[in-house]
N, C-alpha and C. Protein backbone atom coordinates (compact mmCIF):
# COMPACT_ATOMS: atom_id res chain seq x y z
N MET A 1 85.55 18.17 52.28
CA MET A 1 85.06 19.42 52.58
C MET A 1 86.00 20.52 52.27
N PRO A 2 85.90 21.33 51.28
CA PRO A 2 86.96 22.42 51.25
C PRO A 2 87.03 23.32 52.34
N GLU A 3 88.23 23.90 52.86
CA GLU A 3 88.54 24.69 53.88
C GLU A 3 88.19 26.32 53.29
N THR A 4 87.35 26.82 54.26
CA THR A 4 87.33 28.43 54.04
C THR A 4 88.56 29.10 54.51
N PRO A 5 88.55 30.19 53.98
CA PRO A 5 89.93 30.90 54.30
C PRO A 5 90.17 31.13 56.04
N ASP A 6 89.20 31.37 56.59
CA ASP A 6 89.18 31.52 58.08
C ASP A 6 89.19 30.04 58.88
N ALA A 7 89.12 29.09 58.16
CA ALA A 7 89.10 27.73 58.90
C ALA A 7 90.21 27.48 59.71
N LYS A 8 91.42 27.94 59.14
CA LYS A 8 92.76 27.83 59.68
C LYS A 8 92.96 28.63 60.98
N THR A 9 92.13 29.85 61.00
CA THR A 9 92.41 30.79 62.05
C THR A 9 91.38 30.83 63.12
N ARG A 10 90.29 30.09 63.00
CA ARG A 10 89.22 29.92 64.21
C ARG A 10 89.83 29.28 65.32
N THR A 11 89.48 30.01 66.43
CA THR A 11 90.07 29.29 67.64
C THR A 11 89.28 28.14 68.26
N GLY A 12 89.92 27.68 69.09
CA GLY A 12 89.05 26.47 69.61
C GLY A 12 87.86 26.70 70.28
N HIS A 13 87.77 27.89 70.71
CA HIS A 13 86.40 28.34 71.41
C HIS A 13 85.29 28.49 70.18
N GLN A 14 85.92 28.88 69.03
CA GLN A 14 84.89 29.09 68.00
C GLN A 14 84.45 27.79 67.36
N VAL A 15 85.37 27.00 67.44
CA VAL A 15 85.08 25.59 66.87
C VAL A 15 83.99 25.09 67.87
N ILE A 16 84.36 25.08 68.99
CA ILE A 16 83.19 24.37 69.88
C ILE A 16 81.99 25.07 69.88
N ALA A 17 81.96 26.57 69.89
CA ALA A 17 80.64 27.16 69.68
C ALA A 17 80.02 26.85 68.41
N ASP A 18 80.78 26.53 67.41
CA ASP A 18 79.83 26.21 66.12
C ASP A 18 79.41 24.87 66.25
N CYS A 19 79.99 24.09 66.95
CA CYS A 19 79.51 22.83 67.22
C CYS A 19 78.12 22.71 68.04
N LEU A 20 78.12 23.66 68.84
CA LEU A 20 76.90 23.70 69.70
C LEU A 20 75.58 23.97 69.13
N LYS A 21 75.72 24.37 68.09
CA LYS A 21 74.61 24.71 67.31
C LYS A 21 73.76 23.46 66.62
N SER A 22 74.47 22.36 66.73
CA SER A 22 73.90 21.17 66.13
C SER A 22 73.68 20.14 67.15
N LEU A 23 73.88 20.38 68.49
CA LEU A 23 73.89 19.56 69.54
C LEU A 23 72.45 19.74 70.01
N ASP A 24 72.14 18.26 70.89
CA ASP A 24 70.86 18.53 71.44
C ASP A 24 71.24 17.89 72.89
N SER A 25 70.33 17.68 73.65
CA SER A 25 70.49 17.37 75.24
C SER A 25 70.61 15.79 75.49
N SER A 26 70.81 15.00 74.36
CA SER A 26 71.06 13.67 74.45
C SER A 26 72.30 13.25 75.38
N PRO A 27 72.34 12.14 75.90
CA PRO A 27 73.67 11.86 76.54
C PRO A 27 74.56 11.28 75.41
N GLY A 28 75.87 11.11 75.62
CA GLY A 28 76.72 10.76 74.55
C GLY A 28 78.36 10.84 74.99
N VAL A 29 79.06 10.59 73.81
CA VAL A 29 80.39 10.88 73.95
C VAL A 29 80.93 12.04 73.04
N TYR A 30 81.86 12.73 73.33
CA TYR A 30 82.54 13.74 72.49
C TYR A 30 84.01 13.53 72.39
N ARG A 31 84.59 13.90 71.24
CA ARG A 31 86.00 13.67 70.98
C ARG A 31 86.53 15.01 70.51
N MET A 32 87.43 15.47 71.24
CA MET A 32 88.19 16.77 70.55
C MET A 32 89.38 16.60 69.85
N LEU A 33 89.51 17.05 68.41
CA LEU A 33 90.56 16.51 67.71
C LEU A 33 91.41 17.91 67.34
N ASN A 34 92.83 17.55 66.95
CA ASN A 34 93.60 18.64 66.73
C ASN A 34 93.69 19.02 65.12
N ALA A 35 94.38 19.60 64.75
CA ALA A 35 94.37 20.18 63.28
C ALA A 35 95.00 18.96 62.53
N ALA A 36 95.62 17.98 63.09
CA ALA A 36 95.94 16.60 62.47
C ALA A 36 95.06 15.54 62.48
N SER A 37 93.89 15.83 63.03
CA SER A 37 92.87 14.71 63.52
C SER A 37 93.24 13.84 64.25
N GLU A 38 94.23 14.33 65.20
CA GLU A 38 94.52 13.37 66.34
C GLU A 38 93.48 13.79 67.42
N VAL A 39 93.09 12.61 68.19
CA VAL A 39 92.18 12.77 69.21
C VAL A 39 92.75 13.32 70.33
N LEU A 40 92.48 14.53 71.12
CA LEU A 40 93.09 15.18 72.10
C LEU A 40 92.48 14.67 73.44
N TYR A 41 91.19 14.59 73.28
CA TYR A 41 90.49 14.31 74.63
C TYR A 41 89.25 13.69 74.17
N VAL A 42 88.50 12.52 75.07
CA VAL A 42 87.52 12.09 74.95
C VAL A 42 86.65 12.20 76.25
N GLY A 43 85.36 12.58 76.17
CA GLY A 43 84.61 12.74 77.41
C GLY A 43 83.36 12.34 77.31
N LYS A 44 82.45 12.34 78.30
CA LYS A 44 81.13 11.76 78.01
C LYS A 44 80.15 12.83 79.03
N ALA A 45 79.00 12.93 78.58
CA ALA A 45 78.10 13.59 79.18
C ALA A 45 76.62 13.11 79.17
N ARG A 46 75.83 13.25 80.38
CA ARG A 46 74.53 13.20 80.40
C ARG A 46 73.76 14.22 79.22
N ASN A 47 74.37 15.18 79.14
CA ASN A 47 73.69 16.25 78.16
C ASN A 47 74.73 16.81 77.48
N LEU A 48 74.80 16.38 76.22
CA LEU A 48 75.93 16.77 75.33
C LEU A 48 76.25 18.34 75.02
N LYS A 49 74.89 18.90 74.94
CA LYS A 49 74.92 20.40 74.65
C LYS A 49 75.54 21.13 75.90
N ALA A 50 75.09 20.84 77.00
CA ALA A 50 75.00 21.46 78.32
C ALA A 50 76.75 21.22 78.41
N ARG A 51 77.18 20.08 78.70
CA ARG A 51 78.74 19.98 78.68
C ARG A 51 79.62 20.48 77.57
N VAL A 52 79.42 20.29 76.52
CA VAL A 52 80.34 21.01 75.68
C VAL A 52 80.16 22.54 75.71
N SER A 53 78.77 23.03 76.11
CA SER A 53 78.94 24.74 76.34
C SER A 53 80.02 25.10 77.03
N ASN A 54 80.24 24.13 78.29
CA ASN A 54 81.13 24.50 79.23
C ASN A 54 82.66 24.85 78.53
N TYR A 55 82.99 24.24 77.51
CA TYR A 55 84.20 24.41 76.82
C TYR A 55 84.11 25.71 76.15
N ALA A 56 83.07 26.19 75.68
CA ALA A 56 82.95 27.31 74.81
C ALA A 56 83.08 28.86 75.71
N ARG A 57 83.15 28.56 76.84
CA ARG A 57 83.34 29.87 77.73
C ARG A 57 84.91 29.96 77.53
N PRO A 58 85.05 31.57 77.44
CA PRO A 58 86.60 31.76 77.21
C PRO A 58 87.41 31.84 78.42
N SER A 59 86.81 31.95 79.66
CA SER A 59 87.54 31.87 80.69
C SER A 59 87.08 30.97 81.80
N GLY A 60 87.93 30.87 82.87
CA GLY A 60 87.48 29.90 83.95
C GLY A 60 88.09 28.43 83.90
N HIS A 61 88.94 28.19 82.88
CA HIS A 61 89.48 27.04 82.77
C HIS A 61 90.90 26.80 83.32
N SER A 62 91.20 25.41 83.89
CA SER A 62 92.79 25.30 84.28
C SER A 62 93.68 25.46 83.26
N ALA A 63 94.90 25.65 83.27
CA ALA A 63 95.82 25.92 82.18
C ALA A 63 95.64 24.57 81.18
N ARG A 64 95.66 23.44 81.75
CA ARG A 64 95.64 22.10 81.07
C ARG A 64 94.48 22.29 79.89
N ILE A 65 93.15 22.20 80.73
CA ILE A 65 92.01 22.53 79.84
C ILE A 65 92.06 23.66 78.58
N ALA A 66 92.73 24.76 79.16
CA ALA A 66 92.61 26.00 78.27
C ALA A 66 93.40 25.63 77.03
N ARG A 67 94.79 24.94 77.52
CA ARG A 67 95.56 24.47 76.28
C ARG A 67 95.10 23.44 75.30
N MET A 68 94.11 22.62 75.64
CA MET A 68 93.21 21.66 75.08
C MET A 68 92.27 22.17 74.12
N ILE A 69 91.47 23.24 74.80
CA ILE A 69 90.60 23.93 74.06
C ILE A 69 91.35 24.74 72.87
N HIS A 70 92.42 25.30 73.12
CA HIS A 70 93.32 25.99 71.98
C HIS A 70 93.57 25.21 71.16
N GLU A 71 93.96 23.92 71.21
CA GLU A 71 94.49 22.80 70.10
C GLU A 71 93.41 22.32 69.46
N THR A 72 92.07 22.48 70.16
CA THR A 72 90.77 21.83 69.15
C THR A 72 90.65 22.51 67.82
N ALA A 73 90.65 21.62 66.85
CA ALA A 73 90.36 22.07 65.56
C ALA A 73 89.00 21.70 64.92
N SER A 74 88.31 20.59 65.50
CA SER A 74 87.25 19.97 65.45
C SER A 74 86.77 19.04 66.40
N MET A 75 85.53 18.63 66.43
CA MET A 75 85.03 17.60 67.29
C MET A 75 83.98 16.85 66.89
N MET A 76 84.17 15.68 67.22
CA MET A 76 82.93 14.56 66.90
C MET A 76 82.08 14.04 68.07
N PHE A 77 80.87 13.52 67.62
CA PHE A 77 79.95 13.25 68.76
C PHE A 77 79.28 12.02 68.46
N LEU A 78 78.99 11.07 69.44
CA LEU A 78 78.32 9.92 69.26
C LEU A 78 77.08 9.79 70.37
N THR A 79 75.90 10.13 70.17
CA THR A 79 75.01 9.87 71.15
C THR A 79 74.66 8.66 71.44
N THR A 80 74.10 8.17 72.64
CA THR A 80 73.71 7.01 73.35
C THR A 80 72.57 7.14 73.89
N ARG A 81 71.91 5.91 74.44
CA ARG A 81 70.62 6.15 75.04
C ARG A 81 70.56 6.64 76.34
N THR A 82 71.68 5.97 77.10
CA THR A 82 71.61 6.40 78.51
C THR A 82 73.29 6.91 78.78
N GLU A 83 73.20 7.35 80.09
CA GLU A 83 74.47 7.99 80.47
C GLU A 83 75.54 6.76 80.81
N LEU A 84 75.05 5.54 81.11
CA LEU A 84 75.90 4.42 81.57
C LEU A 84 76.20 3.89 80.21
N GLU A 85 75.52 3.81 79.01
CA GLU A 85 76.15 3.31 77.83
C GLU A 85 77.31 4.66 77.59
N ALA A 86 77.14 5.80 77.59
CA ALA A 86 78.06 6.78 77.51
C ALA A 86 79.05 6.47 78.31
N LEU A 87 79.17 6.21 79.45
CA LEU A 87 80.42 6.05 80.37
C LEU A 87 81.42 4.90 79.76
N LEU A 88 80.61 3.68 79.31
CA LEU A 88 81.09 2.60 79.07
C LEU A 88 81.92 2.82 77.55
N LEU A 89 81.19 3.57 76.68
CA LEU A 89 81.83 4.01 75.67
C LEU A 89 82.97 4.78 75.53
N GLU A 90 82.77 6.00 76.57
CA GLU A 90 84.02 6.68 76.93
C GLU A 90 85.15 6.00 77.33
N GLN A 91 84.93 4.99 78.28
CA GLN A 91 86.06 4.17 78.90
C GLN A 91 86.75 3.26 77.59
N ASN A 92 86.15 2.75 76.67
CA ASN A 92 86.65 1.81 75.74
C ASN A 92 87.44 2.98 74.81
N LEU A 93 86.78 3.97 74.62
CA LEU A 93 87.45 4.75 73.50
C LEU A 93 88.80 5.17 74.24
N ILE A 94 88.89 5.52 75.12
CA ILE A 94 89.92 6.10 75.86
C ILE A 94 91.09 5.05 76.02
N LYS A 95 90.81 3.83 76.24
CA LYS A 95 91.76 2.83 76.35
C LYS A 95 92.12 2.29 75.00
N GLN A 96 91.32 2.71 73.88
CA GLN A 96 91.73 2.44 72.53
C GLN A 96 92.54 3.48 72.00
N LEU A 97 92.09 4.61 72.22
CA LEU A 97 92.66 6.01 71.47
C LEU A 97 93.86 6.63 72.13
N LYS A 98 93.79 6.41 73.36
CA LYS A 98 94.92 7.00 74.32
C LYS A 98 95.32 8.55 74.22
N PRO A 99 93.88 9.39 74.41
CA PRO A 99 93.97 10.75 74.04
C PRO A 99 95.13 11.44 75.06
N ARG A 100 95.72 12.30 74.56
CA ARG A 100 96.72 12.95 75.44
C ARG A 100 96.15 13.55 76.74
N TYR A 101 95.25 14.15 76.42
CA TYR A 101 94.47 15.00 77.78
C TYR A 101 93.54 13.96 78.65
N ASN A 102 93.49 12.85 78.41
CA ASN A 102 92.63 11.90 79.28
C ASN A 102 93.81 11.10 80.23
N VAL A 103 93.94 11.57 81.39
CA VAL A 103 95.08 11.09 82.17
C VAL A 103 94.47 10.09 83.26
N LEU A 104 93.40 10.08 83.43
CA LEU A 104 92.75 9.31 84.70
C LEU A 104 92.36 7.91 84.20
N LEU A 105 91.59 7.77 82.94
CA LEU A 105 91.21 6.50 82.59
C LEU A 105 92.15 5.94 81.63
N ARG A 106 93.42 6.49 81.34
CA ARG A 106 94.23 5.98 80.13
C ARG A 106 94.84 4.42 80.35
N ASP A 107 94.93 4.02 81.70
CA ASP A 107 95.50 2.73 81.88
C ASP A 107 94.42 1.91 82.53
N ASP A 108 94.72 0.72 82.85
CA ASP A 108 94.00 -0.45 83.14
C ASP A 108 94.27 -0.51 84.77
N LYS A 109 94.91 0.38 85.36
CA LYS A 109 95.09 0.23 86.63
C LYS A 109 94.13 0.67 87.84
N SER A 110 93.17 1.44 87.16
CA SER A 110 91.94 1.95 88.18
C SER A 110 90.71 1.50 87.52
N PHE A 111 89.84 1.56 88.27
CA PHE A 111 88.37 1.22 87.60
C PHE A 111 87.34 2.02 88.33
N PRO A 112 86.36 2.51 87.58
CA PRO A 112 85.28 3.41 88.23
C PRO A 112 84.51 2.41 89.16
N ASN A 113 84.18 3.17 90.17
CA ASN A 113 83.18 2.66 90.97
C ASN A 113 81.57 3.12 91.06
N ILE A 114 80.85 2.14 91.16
CA ILE A 114 79.45 2.41 91.21
C ILE A 114 78.72 2.10 92.53
N LEU A 115 78.25 3.07 93.32
CA LEU A 115 77.77 2.87 94.38
C LEU A 115 76.28 2.51 94.09
N ILE A 116 75.78 1.35 94.89
CA ILE A 116 74.41 1.06 94.71
C ILE A 116 73.77 1.03 96.13
N SER A 117 72.75 1.84 96.35
CA SER A 117 72.32 2.14 97.83
C SER A 117 70.79 1.73 97.88
N ALA A 118 70.48 1.39 98.92
CA ALA A 118 68.89 1.02 98.73
C ALA A 118 68.22 1.81 99.67
């Protein structure tokens, strides 16, 4: 796909806002990529549109998240049937891709806990 003249000057917020136009409320996994197509972050969502819209806000982010948004040049999305499928896919992608901004699930030293109550 040829780049438009302003494609290189779009901010991360603009890239994310453009992606929102094609998202629906499905559960799934999203990937934020930098200009070199390296995966910066892998996240999961019960509702992709709602979750990704949080990143489109221009303020209210920690310094780490603001830096990640600034570096975002494109995004990729995978929809799943359930939130549990999204969680498992997210964990596998983080372990495989080792994104820079995923610090909690990058190693095998910790595991998510699931509480089942009756």
